[in-house]
Amino acid sequence: MNALLTNPFKERLRKGEVQIGLWLSSTTSYMAEIAATSGYDWLLIDGEHAPNTIQDLYHQLQAVAPYASQPVIRPVEGSKPLIKQVLDIGA
């Protein structure tokens, strides 16, 4: 059961292993899914410099979820209410 709770992205960071990722500045879940199938270790979904709403971020997280790429969200800014919303959608 512990294997199910292990985050491979965080584990590889902890070990200092090289990972290859992609910065997503699109608001569409289609692009997120295409990127997720391309073999990247992580995908950074940019909420700061891309016009992503919370709903856009949620849809992109859903699109990436079935694949091995680990999503990372960059929120618009670090206010408590916004961070809570981002965490509530699964980031």
C-alpha atoms as a PDB file:
ATOM      1  CA  MET A   1       0.000   0.000   0.000  1.00  0.00           C
ATOM      2  CA  ASN A   2       2.888   2.403   0.631  1.00  0.00           C
ATOM      3  CA  ALA A   3       3.905   2.076  -3.022  1.00  0.00           C
ATOM      4  CA  LEU A   4       0.599   3.664  -4.001  1.00  0.00           C
ATOM      5  CA  LEU A   5       1.346   6.695  -1.833  1.00  0.00           C
ATOM      6  CA  THR A   6       4.857   7.255  -3.194  1.00  0.00           C
ATOM      7  CA  ASN A   7       5.233  10.224  -5.519  1.00  0.00           C
ATOM      8  CA  PRO A   8       7.909   9.254  -8.091  1.00  0.00           C
ATOM      9  CA  PHE A   9       8.572  12.902  -8.977  1.00  0.00           C
ATOM     10  CA  LYS A  10       9.302  13.854  -5.355  1.00  0.00           C
ATOM     11  CA  GLU A  11      11.309  10.685  -4.797  1.00  0.00           C
ATOM     12  CA  ARG A  12      13.551  11.414  -7.782  1.00  0.00           C
ATOM     13  CA  LEU A  13      13.979  15.025  -6.609  1.00  0.00           C
ATOM     14  CA  ARG A  14      15.009  13.754  -3.192  1.00  0.00           C
ATOM     15  CA  LYS A  15      17.606  11.468  -4.795  1.00  0.00           C
ATOM     16  CA  GLY A  16      18.937  14.274  -7.006  1.00  0.00           C
ATOM     17  CA  GLU A  17      18.122  12.414 -10.211  1.00  0.00           C
ATOM     18  CA  VAL A  18      17.848  14.280 -13.490  1.00  0.00           C
ATOM     19  CA  GLN A  19      14.305  14.750 -14.750  1.00  0.00           C
ATOM     20  CA  ILE A  20      13.085  16.271 -17.985  1.00  0.00           C
ATOM     21  CA  GLY A  21      10.009  18.463 -17.957  1.00  0.00           C
ATOM     22  CA  LEU A  22       7.981  20.884 -19.991  1.00  0.00           C
ATOM     23  CA  TRP A  23       6.506  24.277 -19.147  1.00  0.00           C
ATOM     24  CA  LEU A  24       2.866  24.505 -20.291  1.00  0.00           C
ATOM     25  CA  SER A  25       1.596  28.007 -21.013  1.00  0.00           C
ATOM     26  CA  SER A  26      -1.558  26.926 -22.787  1.00  0.00           C
ATOM     27  CA  THR A  27      -4.979  26.999 -21.178  1.00  0.00           C
ATOM     28  CA  THR A  28      -6.228  23.910 -22.957  1.00  0.00           C
ATOM     29  CA  SER A  29      -6.403  20.417 -21.536  1.00  0.00           C
ATOM     30  CA  TYR A  30      -5.732  19.034 -25.026  1.00  0.00           C
ATOM     31  CA  MET A  31      -2.187  20.412 -25.000  1.00  0.00           C
ATOM     32  CA  ALA A  32      -1.660  19.122 -21.458  1.00  0.00           C
ATOM     33  CA  GLU A  33      -2.713  15.620 -22.506  1.00  0.00           C
ATOM     34  CA  ILE A  34      -0.489  15.674 -25.594  1.00  0.00           C
ATOM     35  CA  ALA A  35       2.456  16.741 -23.432  1.00  0.00           C
ATOM     36  CA  ALA A  36       1.637  14.047 -20.859  1.00  0.00           C
ATOM     37  CA  THR A  37       1.892  11.353 -23.537  1.00  0.00           C
ATOM     38  CA  SER A  38       5.273  12.629 -24.747  1.00  0.00           C
ATOM     39  CA  GLY A  39       7.420  11.051 -22.039  1.00  0.00           C
ATOM     40  CA  TYR A  40       8.199  14.055 -19.834  1.00  0.00           C
ATOM     41  CA  ASP A  41       8.844  13.377 -16.158  1.00  0.00           C
ATOM     42  CA  TRP A  42       6.993  16.524 -15.074  1.00  0.00           C
ATOM     43  CA  LEU A  43       4.764  19.207 -16.566  1.00  0.00           C
ATOM     44  CA  LEU A  44       4.584  22.669 -15.060  1.00  0.00           C
ATOM     45  CA  ILE A  45       1.148  24.155 -15.662  1.00  0.00           C
ATOM     46  CA  ASP A  46       1.678  27.900 -15.576  1.00  0.00           C
ATOM     47  CA  GLY A  47      -1.015  29.930 -13.872  1.00  0.00           C
ATOM     48  CA  GLU A  48       1.099  33.056 -13.509  1.00  0.00           C
ATOM     49  CA  HIS A  49       1.998  33.996 -17.079  1.00  0.00           C
ATOM     50  CA  ALA A  50      -0.735  32.073 -18.893  1.00  0.00           C
ATOM     51  CA  PRO A  51      -4.392  33.113 -18.670  1.00  0.00           C
ATOM     52  CA  ASN A  52      -5.415  29.995 -16.716  1.00  0.00           C
ATOM     53  CA  THR A  53      -8.425  30.081 -14.415  1.00  0.00           C
ATOM     54  CA  ILE A  54      -8.879  27.598 -11.571  1.00  0.00           C
ATOM     55  CA  GLN A  55     -11.208  25.661 -13.871  1.00  0.00           C
ATOM     56  CA  ASP A  56      -8.542  25.581 -16.630  1.00  0.00           C
ATOM     57  CA  LEU A  57      -5.965  24.290 -14.137  1.00  0.00           C
ATOM     58  CA  TYR A  58      -8.421  21.630 -12.950  1.00  0.00           C
ATOM     59  CA  HIS A  59      -9.095  20.419 -16.502  1.00  0.00           C
ATOM     60  CA  GLN A  60      -5.374  20.232 -17.236  1.00  0.00           C
ATOM     61  CA  LEU A  61      -4.763  18.229 -14.051  1.00  0.00           C
ATOM     62  CA  GLN A  62      -7.525  15.833 -15.131  1.00  0.00           C
ATOM     63  CA  ALA A  63      -5.953  15.483 -18.586  1.00  0.00           C
ATOM     64  CA  VAL A  64      -2.524  14.647 -17.149  1.00  0.00           C
ATOM     65  CA  ALA A  65      -3.752  12.316 -14.363  1.00  0.00           C
ATOM     66  CA  PRO A  66      -3.812   9.000 -16.315  1.00  0.00           C
ATOM     67  CA  TYR A  67      -0.201   9.387 -17.478  1.00  0.00           C
ATOM     68  CA  ALA A  68       3.225   9.064 -15.849  1.00  0.00           C
ATOM     69  CA  SER A  69       4.102  12.774 -16.140  1.00  0.00           C
ATOM     70  CA  GLN A  70       3.758  14.522 -12.788  1.00  0.00           C
ATOM     71  CA  PRO A  71       1.906  17.862 -12.880  1.00  0.00           C
ATOM     72  CA  VAL A  72       3.217  20.897 -11.014  1.00  0.00           C
ATOM     73  CA  ILE A  73       1.062  24.034 -10.747  1.00  0.00           C
ATOM     74  CA  ARG A  74       2.516  27.537 -10.723  1.00  0.00           C
ATOM     75  CA  PRO A  75      -0.270  29.686  -9.252  1.00  0.00           C
ATOM     76  CA  VAL A  76      -0.993  33.283 -10.233  1.00  0.00           C
ATOM     77  CA  GLU A  77       0.247  34.436  -6.841  1.00  0.00           C
ATOM     78  CA  GLY A  78       0.700  33.072  -3.340  1.00  0.00           C
ATOM     79  CA  SER A  79      -2.367  34.297  -1.463  1.00  0.00           C
ATOM     80  CA  LYS A  80      -3.862  31.799   0.993  1.00  0.00           C
ATOM     81  CA  PRO A  81      -7.279  31.635  -0.710  1.00  0.00           C
ATOM     82  CA  LEU A  82      -5.755  30.946  -4.123  1.00  0.00           C
ATOM     83  CA  ILE A  83      -3.306  28.353  -2.793  1.00  0.00           C
ATOM     84  CA  LYS A  84      -6.219  26.626  -1.033  1.00  0.00           C
ATOM     85  CA  GLN A  85      -8.172  26.514  -4.301  1.00  0.00           C
ATOM     86  CA  VAL A  86      -5.187  25.075  -6.171  1.00  0.00           C
ATOM     87  CA  LEU A  87      -4.722  22.418  -3.479  1.00  0.00           C
ATOM     88  CA  ASP A  88      -8.454  21.663  -3.478  1.00  0.00           C
ATOM     89  CA  ILE A  89      -8.367  20.810  -7.198  1.00  0.00           C
ATOM     90  CA  GLY A  90      -5.591  18.284  -6.608  1.00  0.00           C
ATOM     91  CA  ALA A  91      -2.295  20.079  -7.138  1.00  0.00           C
END
